[in-house]
Amino acid sequence: MAQGSVSFKDVTVDFSQEEWQHLDPAQKTLYMDVMLENYCHLISVGCHMTKPDVILKLERGEEPWTSFKGHTCLGGLWLTWN
């Protein structure tokens, strides 16, 4: 089986504000724990990256949902427009 590089985006799940509000406290805690652990694991194996916004938000105690306002999805890529 061929192996390739793994990026942080490969091991993340993004929630909209509405989706985030539907999670119960235990699900939110699990999400935060897993996201921080995934980031730490990638760093520990030498993956060099700028700290993702979601990690910065979690470290500040903020809700990590993503605002998709001003963005559009094209082939799985989120593009910003003004």
PDB file of N, CA and C in Angstrom:
ATOM      1  N   MET A   1       0.847  -1.183   0.000  1.00  0.00           N
ATOM      2  CA  MET A   1       0.000   0.000   0.000  1.00  0.00           C
ATOM      3  C   MET A   1       0.891   1.245   0.000  1.00  0.00           C
ATOM      4  N   ALA A   2       0.593   2.186  -0.849  1.00  0.00           N
ATOM      5  CA  ALA A   2       1.372   3.423  -0.942  1.00  0.00           C
ATOM      6  C   ALA A   2       1.058   4.331   0.235  1.00  0.00           C
ATOM      7  N   GLN A   3       2.089   4.984   0.728  1.00  0.00           N
ATOM      8  CA  GLN A   3       1.911   5.926   1.819  1.00  0.00           C
ATOM      9  C   GLN A   3       2.223   7.324   1.331  1.00  0.00           C
ATOM     10  N   GLY A   4       1.532   8.295   1.868  1.00  0.00           N
ATOM     11  CA  GLY A   4       1.762   9.680   1.498  1.00  0.00           C
ATOM     12  C   GLY A   4       1.821  10.540   2.748  1.00  0.00           C
ATOM     13  N   SER A   5       2.047  11.792   2.551  1.00  0.00           N
ATOM     14  CA  SER A   5       2.095  12.731   3.662  1.00  0.00           C
ATOM     15  C   SER A   5       0.706  12.951   4.233  1.00  0.00           C
ATOM     16  N   VAL A   6       0.662  13.200   5.517  1.00  0.00           N
ATOM     17  CA  VAL A   6      -0.592  13.518   6.195  1.00  0.00           C
ATOM     18  C   VAL A   6      -0.524  14.968   6.636  1.00  0.00           C
ATOM     19  N   SER A   7      -1.571  15.710   6.360  1.00  0.00           N
ATOM     20  CA  SER A   7      -1.629  17.095   6.798  1.00  0.00           C
ATOM     21  C   SER A   7      -2.636  17.215   7.940  1.00  0.00           C
ATOM     22  N   PHE A   8      -2.600  18.331   8.629  1.00  0.00           N
ATOM     23  CA  PHE A   8      -3.555  18.557   9.714  1.00  0.00           C
ATOM     24  C   PHE A   8      -4.975  18.530   9.176  1.00  0.00           C
ATOM     25  N   LYS A   9      -5.170  19.060   7.980  1.00  0.00           N
ATOM     26  CA  LYS A   9      -6.507  19.082   7.371  1.00  0.00           C
ATOM     27  C   LYS A   9      -7.050  17.669   7.153  1.00  0.00           C
ATOM     28  N   ASP A  10      -6.143  16.700   6.955  1.00  0.00           N
ATOM     29  CA  ASP A  10      -6.561  15.313   6.764  1.00  0.00           C
ATOM     30  C   ASP A  10      -7.182  14.703   8.021  1.00  0.00           C
ATOM     31  N   VAL A  11      -6.860  15.259   9.181  1.00  0.00           N
ATOM     32  CA  VAL A  11      -7.318  14.656  10.439  1.00  0.00           C
ATOM     33  C   VAL A  11      -8.208  15.616  11.245  1.00  0.00           C
ATOM     34  N   THR A  12      -8.846  16.549  10.540  1.00  0.00           N
ATOM     35  CA  THR A  12      -9.717  17.502  11.232  1.00  0.00           C
ATOM     36  C   THR A  12     -11.153  17.412  10.749  1.00  0.00           C
ATOM     37  N   VAL A  13     -12.023  17.934  11.572  1.00  0.00           N
ATOM     38  CA  VAL A  13     -13.434  18.095  11.232  1.00  0.00           C
ATOM     39  C   VAL A  13     -13.778  19.540  11.547  1.00  0.00           C
ATOM     40  N   ASP A  14     -14.365  20.231  10.596  1.00  0.00           N
ATOM     41  CA  ASP A  14     -14.786  21.618  10.811  1.00  0.00           C
ATOM     42  C   ASP A  14     -16.287  21.658  11.031  1.00  0.00           C
ATOM     43  N   PHE A  15     -16.708  22.463  11.996  1.00  0.00           N
ATOM     44  CA  PHE A  15     -18.122  22.643  12.293  1.00  0.00           C
ATOM     45  C   PHE A  15     -18.524  24.079  12.013  1.00  0.00           C
ATOM     46  N   SER A  16     -19.724  24.262  11.499  1.00  0.00           N
ATOM     47  CA  SER A  16     -20.300  25.604  11.419  1.00  0.00           C
ATOM     48  C   SER A  16     -20.799  25.951  12.825  1.00  0.00           C
ATOM     49  N   GLN A  17     -21.162  27.207  13.049  1.00  0.00           N
ATOM     50  CA  GLN A  17     -21.685  27.609  14.351  1.00  0.00           C
ATOM     51  C   GLN A  17     -22.945  26.811  14.680  1.00  0.00           C
ATOM     52  N   GLU A  18     -23.816  26.630  13.711  1.00  0.00           N
ATOM     53  CA  GLU A  18     -25.058  25.891  13.941  1.00  0.00           C
ATOM     54  C   GLU A  18     -24.765  24.430  14.307  1.00  0.00           C
ATOM     55  N   GLU A  19     -23.858  23.796  13.574  1.00  0.00           N
ATOM     56  CA  GLU A  19     -23.499  22.410  13.873  1.00  0.00           C
ATOM     57  C   GLU A  19     -22.898  22.285  15.273  1.00  0.00           C
ATOM     58  N   TRP A  20     -22.019  23.229  15.625  1.00  0.00           N
ATOM     59  CA  TRP A  20     -21.366  23.213  16.939  1.00  0.00           C
ATOM     60  C   TRP A  20     -22.398  23.292  18.061  1.00  0.00           C
ATOM     61  N   GLN A  21     -23.437  24.111  17.871  1.00  0.00           N
ATOM     62  CA  GLN A  21     -24.453  24.288  18.905  1.00  0.00           C
ATOM     63  C   GLN A  21     -25.268  23.013  19.150  1.00  0.00           C
ATOM     64  N   HIS A  22     -25.284  22.095  18.187  1.00  0.00           N
ATOM     65  CA  HIS A  22     -26.028  20.848  18.344  1.00  0.00           C
ATOM     66  C   HIS A  22     -25.248  19.778  19.117  1.00  0.00           C
ATOM     67  N   LEU A  23     -23.953  20.017  19.355  1.00  0.00           N
ATOM     68  CA  LEU A  23     -23.161  19.060  20.116  1.00  0.00           C
ATOM     69  C   LEU A  23     -23.428  19.235  21.603  1.00  0.00           C
ATOM     70  N   ASP A  24     -23.436  18.120  22.336  1.00  0.00           N
ATOM     71  CA  ASP A  24     -23.579  18.243  23.790  1.00  0.00           C
ATOM     72  C   ASP A  24     -22.192  18.498  24.391  1.00  0.00           C
ATOM     73  N   PRO A  25     -22.120  18.894  25.670  1.00  0.00           N
ATOM     74  CA  PRO A  25     -20.822  19.239  26.273  1.00  0.00           C
ATOM     75  C   PRO A  25     -19.780  18.126  26.180  1.00  0.00           C
ATOM     76  N   ALA A  26     -20.178  16.875  26.343  1.00  0.00           N
ATOM     77  CA  ALA A  26     -19.223  15.766  26.254  1.00  0.00           C
ATOM     78  C   ALA A  26     -18.648  15.645  24.838  1.00  0.00           C
ATOM     79  N   GLN A  27     -19.482  15.867  23.820  1.00  0.00           N
ATOM     80  CA  GLN A  27     -19.013  15.803  22.433  1.00  0.00           C
ATOM     81  C   GLN A  27     -18.047  16.945  22.140  1.00  0.00           C
ATOM     82  N   LYS A  28     -18.333  18.128  22.668  1.00  0.00           N
ATOM     83  CA  LYS A  28     -17.439  19.265  22.478  1.00  0.00           C
ATOM     84  C   LYS A  28     -16.091  19.007  23.143  1.00  0.00           C
ATOM     85  N   THR A  29     -16.120  18.456  24.337  1.00  0.00           N
ATOM     86  CA  THR A  29     -14.876  18.145  25.047  1.00  0.00           C
ATOM     87  C   THR A  29     -14.065  17.102  24.290  1.00  0.00           C
ATOM     88  N   LEU A  30     -14.727  16.064  23.808  1.00  0.00           N
ATOM     89  CA  LEU A  30     -14.047  15.029  23.033  1.00  0.00           C
ATOM     90  C   LEU A  30     -13.416  15.634  21.780  1.00  0.00           C
ATOM     91  N   TYR A  31     -14.164  16.460  21.079  1.00  0.00           N
ATOM     92  CA  TYR A  31     -13.650  17.116  19.872  1.00  0.00           C
ATOM     93  C   TYR A  31     -12.390  17.911  20.195  1.00  0.00           C
ATOM     94  N   MET A  32     -12.449  18.726  21.245  1.00  0.00           N
ATOM     95  CA  MET A  32     -11.305  19.556  21.607  1.00  0.00           C
ATOM     96  C   MET A  32     -10.099  18.693  21.973  1.00  0.00           C
ATOM     97  N   ASP A  33     -10.313  17.643  22.750  1.00  0.00           N
ATOM     98  CA  ASP A  33      -9.217  16.755  23.136  1.00  0.00           C
ATOM     99  C   ASP A  33      -8.574  16.090  21.922  1.00  0.00           C
ATOM    100  N   VAL A  34      -9.402  15.591  21.015  1.00  0.00           N
ATOM    101  CA  VAL A  34      -8.888  14.891  19.834  1.00  0.00           C
ATOM    102  C   VAL A  34      -8.147  15.853  18.896  1.00  0.00           C
ATOM    103  N   MET A  35      -8.689  17.029  18.693  1.00  0.00           N
ATOM    104  CA  MET A  35      -8.033  17.997  17.805  1.00  0.00           C
ATOM    105  C   MET A  35      -6.661  18.403  18.349  1.00  0.00           C
ATOM    106  N   LEU A  36      -6.591  18.688  19.646  1.00  0.00           N
ATOM    107  CA  LEU A  36      -5.310  19.071  20.239  1.00  0.00           C
ATOM    108  C   LEU A  36      -4.325  17.903  20.205  1.00  0.00           C
ATOM    109  N   GLU A  37      -4.806  16.698  20.458  1.00  0.00           N
ATOM    110  CA  GLU A  37      -3.943  15.517  20.417  1.00  0.00           C
ATOM    111  C   GLU A  37      -3.428  15.264  18.998  1.00  0.00           C
ATOM    112  N   ASN A  38      -4.295  15.365  18.002  1.00  0.00           N
ATOM    113  CA  ASN A  38      -3.867  15.181  16.612  1.00  0.00           C
ATOM    114  C   ASN A  38      -2.781  16.186  16.236  1.00  0.00           C
ATOM    115  N   TYR A  39      -2.979  17.428  16.632  1.00  0.00           N
ATOM    116  CA  TYR A  39      -1.987  18.462  16.333  1.00  0.00           C
ATOM    117  C   TYR A  39      -0.651  18.130  16.997  1.00  0.00           C
ATOM    118  N   CYS A  40      -0.691  17.755  18.261  1.00  0.00           N
ATOM    119  CA  CYS A  40       0.540  17.417  18.991  1.00  0.00           C
ATOM    120  C   CYS A  40       1.251  16.225  18.355  1.00  0.00           C
ATOM    121  N   HIS A  41       0.488  15.229  17.922  1.00  0.00           N
ATOM    122  CA  HIS A  41       1.099  14.062  17.282  1.00  0.00           C
ATOM    123  C   HIS A  41       1.787  14.439  15.973  1.00  0.00           C
ATOM    124  N   LEU A  42       1.141  15.273  15.172  1.00  0.00           N
ATOM    125  CA  LEU A  42       1.752  15.686  13.909  1.00  0.00           C
ATOM    126  C   LEU A  42       3.039  16.466  14.142  1.00  0.00           C
ATOM    127  N   ILE A  43       3.035  17.340  15.134  1.00  0.00           N
ATOM    128  CA  ILE A  43       4.241  18.111  15.465  1.00  0.00           C
ATOM    129  C   ILE A  43       5.337  17.173  15.958  1.00  0.00           C
ATOM    130  N   SER A  44       4.966  16.182  16.771  1.00  0.00           N
ATOM    131  CA  SER A  44       5.967  15.270  17.353  1.00  0.00           C
ATOM    132  C   SER A  44       6.660  14.395  16.315  1.00  0.00           C
ATOM    133  N   VAL A  45       6.009  14.161  15.172  1.00  0.00           N
ATOM    134  CA  VAL A  45       6.646  13.359  14.125  1.00  0.00           C
ATOM    135  C   VAL A  45       7.297  14.243  13.054  1.00  0.00           C
ATOM    136  N   GLY A  46       7.442  15.519  13.356  1.00  0.00           N
ATOM    137  CA  GLY A  46       8.189  16.405  12.480  1.00  0.00           C
ATOM    138  C   GLY A  46       7.402  17.126  11.416  1.00  0.00           C
ATOM    139  N   CYS A  47       6.089  17.142  11.526  1.00  0.00           N
ATOM    140  CA  CYS A  47       5.270  17.879  10.566  1.00  0.00           C
ATOM    141  C   CYS A  47       5.378  19.367  10.907  1.00  0.00           C
ATOM    142  N   HIS A  48       5.945  20.132  10.008  1.00  0.00           N
ATOM    143  CA  HIS A  48       6.141  21.565  10.242  1.00  0.00           C
ATOM    144  C   HIS A  48       4.988  22.334   9.619  1.00  0.00           C
ATOM    145  N   MET A  49       4.319  23.142  10.430  1.00  0.00           N
ATOM    146  CA  MET A  49       3.184  23.915   9.946  1.00  0.00           C
ATOM    147  C   MET A  49       2.959  25.119  10.835  1.00  0.00           C
ATOM    148  N   THR A  50       2.285  26.098  10.278  1.00  0.00           N
ATOM    149  CA  THR A  50       1.801  27.213  11.084  1.00  0.00           C
ATOM    150  C   THR A  50       0.653  26.686  11.925  1.00  0.00           C
ATOM    151  N   LYS A  51       0.569  27.125  13.160  1.00  0.00           N
ATOM    152  CA  LYS A  51      -0.490  26.636  14.044  1.00  0.00           C
ATOM    153  C   LYS A  51      -1.851  26.988  13.449  1.00  0.00           C
ATOM    154  N   PRO A  52      -2.690  25.983  13.202  1.00  0.00           N
ATOM    155  CA  PRO A  52      -4.005  26.219  12.602  1.00  0.00           C
ATOM    156  C   PRO A  52      -4.903  27.087  13.488  1.00  0.00           C
ATOM    157  N   ASP A  53      -5.804  27.832  12.844  1.00  0.00           N
ATOM    158  CA  ASP A  53      -6.739  28.703  13.570  1.00  0.00           C
ATOM    159  C   ASP A  53      -7.541  27.938  14.617  1.00  0.00           C
ATOM    160  N   VAL A  54      -7.971  26.719  14.281  1.00  0.00           N
ATOM    161  CA  VAL A  54      -8.786  25.960  15.219  1.00  0.00           C
ATOM    162  C   VAL A  54      -7.995  25.660  16.493  1.00  0.00           C
ATOM    163  N   ILE A  55      -6.711  25.388  16.380  1.00  0.00           N
ATOM    164  CA  ILE A  55      -5.877  25.119  17.559  1.00  0.00           C
ATOM    165  C   ILE A  55      -5.702  26.397  18.373  1.00  0.00           C
ATOM    166  N   LEU A  56      -5.480  27.508  17.699  1.00  0.00           N
ATOM    167  CA  LEU A  56      -5.369  28.789  18.409  1.00  0.00           C
ATOM    168  C   LEU A  56      -6.646  29.084  19.192  1.00  0.00           C
ATOM    169  N   LYS A  57      -7.800  28.845  18.572  1.00  0.00           N
ATOM    170  CA  LYS A  57      -9.079  29.081  19.248  1.00  0.00           C
ATOM    171  C   LYS A  57      -9.231  28.164  20.461  1.00  0.00           C
ATOM    172  N   LEU A  58      -8.894  26.892  20.302  1.00  0.00           N
ATOM    173  CA  LEU A  58      -9.022  25.951  21.420  1.00  0.00           C
ATOM    174  C   LEU A  58      -8.105  26.346  22.566  1.00  0.00           C
ATOM    175  N   GLU A  59      -6.892  26.764  22.261  1.00  0.00           N
ATOM    176  CA  GLU A  59      -5.947  27.175  23.299  1.00  0.00           C
ATOM    177  C   GLU A  59      -6.421  28.419  24.046  1.00  0.00           C
ATOM    178  N   ARG A  60      -7.191  29.269  23.366  1.00  0.00           N
ATOM    179  CA  ARG A  60      -7.724  30.483  24.013  1.00  0.00           C
ATOM    180  C   ARG A  60      -9.057  30.228  24.709  1.00  0.00           C
ATOM    181  N   GLY A  61      -9.557  28.996  24.608  1.00  0.00           N
ATOM    182  CA  GLY A  61     -10.835  28.672  25.229  1.00  0.00           C
ATOM    183  C   GLY A  61     -12.032  29.133  24.426  1.00  0.00           C
ATOM    184  N   GLU A  62     -11.819  29.432  23.149  1.00  0.00           N
ATOM    185  CA  GLU A  62     -12.907  29.883  22.281  1.00  0.00           C
ATOM    186  C   GLU A  62     -13.568  28.697  21.599  1.00  0.00           C
ATOM    187  N   GLU A  63     -14.785  28.898  21.156  1.00  0.00           N
ATOM    188  CA  GLU A  63     -15.463  27.861  20.391  1.00  0.00           C
ATOM    189  C   GLU A  63     -14.807  27.776  19.012  1.00  0.00           C
ATOM    190  N   PRO A  64     -14.525  26.568  18.548  1.00  0.00           N
ATOM    191  CA  PRO A  64     -13.738  26.407  17.326  1.00  0.00           C
ATOM    192  C   PRO A  64     -14.525  26.359  16.027  1.00  0.00           C
ATOM    193  N   TRP A  65     -15.813  26.689  16.063  1.00  0.00           N
ATOM    194  CA  TRP A  65     -16.586  26.593  14.822  1.00  0.00           C
ATOM    195  C   TRP A  65     -16.036  27.555  13.784  1.00  0.00           C
ATOM    196  N   THR A  66     -16.265  27.197  12.549  1.00  0.00           N
ATOM    197  CA  THR A  66     -15.772  27.963  11.408  1.00  0.00           C
ATOM    198  C   THR A  66     -16.908  28.755  10.793  1.00  0.00           C
ATOM    199  N   SER A  67     -16.654  30.009  10.538  1.00  0.00           N
ATOM    200  CA  SER A  67     -17.624  30.827   9.822  1.00  0.00           C
ATOM    201  C   SER A  67     -17.379  30.651   8.337  1.00  0.00           C
ATOM    202  N   PHE A  68     -18.407  30.240   7.624  1.00  0.00           N
ATOM    203  CA  PHE A  68     -18.274  30.047   6.191  1.00  0.00           C
ATOM    204  C   PHE A  68     -18.796  31.257   5.414  1.00  0.00           C
ATOM    205  N   LYS A  69     -19.142  32.347   6.114  1.00  0.00           N
ATOM    206  CA  LYS A  69     -19.591  33.556   5.440  1.00  0.00           C
ATOM    207  C   LYS A  69     -18.417  34.137   4.649  1.00  0.00           C
ATOM    208  N   GLY A  70     -18.663  34.467   3.408  1.00  0.00           N
ATOM    209  CA  GLY A  70     -17.605  35.008   2.566  1.00  0.00           C
ATOM    210  C   GLY A  70     -16.723  33.931   1.962  1.00  0.00           C
ATOM    211  N   HIS A  71     -17.142  32.669   2.077  1.00  0.00           N
ATOM    212  CA  HIS A  71     -16.386  31.555   1.528  1.00  0.00           C
ATOM    213  C   HIS A  71     -17.318  30.726   0.653  1.00  0.00           C
ATOM    214  N   THR A  72     -16.741  30.041  -0.276  1.00  0.00           N
ATOM    215  CA  THR A  72     -17.509  29.120  -1.100  1.00  0.00           C
ATOM    216  C   THR A  72     -16.704  27.850  -1.284  1.00  0.00           C
ATOM    217  N   CYS A  73     -17.372  26.725  -1.381  1.00  0.00           N
ATOM    218  CA  CYS A  73     -16.704  25.448  -1.542  1.00  0.00           C
ATOM    219  C   CYS A  73     -16.643  25.093  -3.020  1.00  0.00           C
ATOM    220  N   LEU A  74     -15.438  24.812  -3.498  1.00  0.00           N
ATOM    221  CA  LEU A  74     -15.239  24.438  -4.889  1.00  0.00           C
ATOM    222  C   LEU A  74     -14.346  23.207  -4.906  1.00  0.00           C
ATOM    223  N   GLY A  75     -14.930  22.057  -5.192  1.00  0.00           N
ATOM    224  CA  GLY A  75     -14.148  20.829  -5.250  1.00  0.00           C
ATOM    225  C   GLY A  75     -13.478  20.481  -3.941  1.00  0.00           C
ATOM    226  N   GLY A  76     -14.116  20.755  -2.819  1.00  0.00           N
ATOM    227  CA  GLY A  76     -13.544  20.434  -1.519  1.00  0.00           C
ATOM    228  C   GLY A  76     -12.615  21.499  -0.968  1.00  0.00           C
ATOM    229  N   LEU A  77     -12.372  22.583  -1.716  1.00  0.00           N
ATOM    230  CA  LEU A  77     -11.521  23.668  -1.254  1.00  0.00           C
ATOM    231  C   LEU A  77     -12.380  24.869  -0.914  1.00  0.00           C
ATOM    232  N   TRP A  78     -12.130  25.476   0.238  1.00  0.00           N
ATOM    233  CA  TRP A  78     -12.876  26.675   0.622  1.00  0.00           C
ATOM    234  C   TRP A  78     -12.136  27.891   0.099  1.00  0.00           C
ATOM    235  N   LEU A  79     -12.812  28.691  -0.702  1.00  0.00           N
ATOM    236  CA  LEU A  79     -12.235  29.881  -1.299  1.00  0.00           C
ATOM    237  C   LEU A  79     -12.859  31.114  -0.670  1.00  0.00           C
ATOM    238  N   THR A  80     -12.039  32.110  -0.399  1.00  0.00           N
ATOM    239  CA  THR A  80     -12.524  33.362   0.193  1.00  0.00           C
ATOM    240  C   THR A  80     -12.855  34.361  -0.895  1.00  0.00           C
ATOM    241  N   TRP A  81     -13.960  35.065  -0.711  1.00  0.00           N
ATOM    242  CA  TRP A  81     -14.323  36.144  -1.623  1.00  0.00           C
ATOM    243  C   TRP A  81     -14.841  37.305  -0.804  1.00  0.00           C
ATOM    244  N   ASN A  82     -14.682  38.495  -1.320  1.00  0.00           N
ATOM    245  CA  ASN A  82     -15.137  39.714  -0.613  1.00  0.00           C
ATOM    246  C   ASN A  82     -16.291  40.341  -1.342  1.00  0.00           C
TER     247      ASN A  82
END
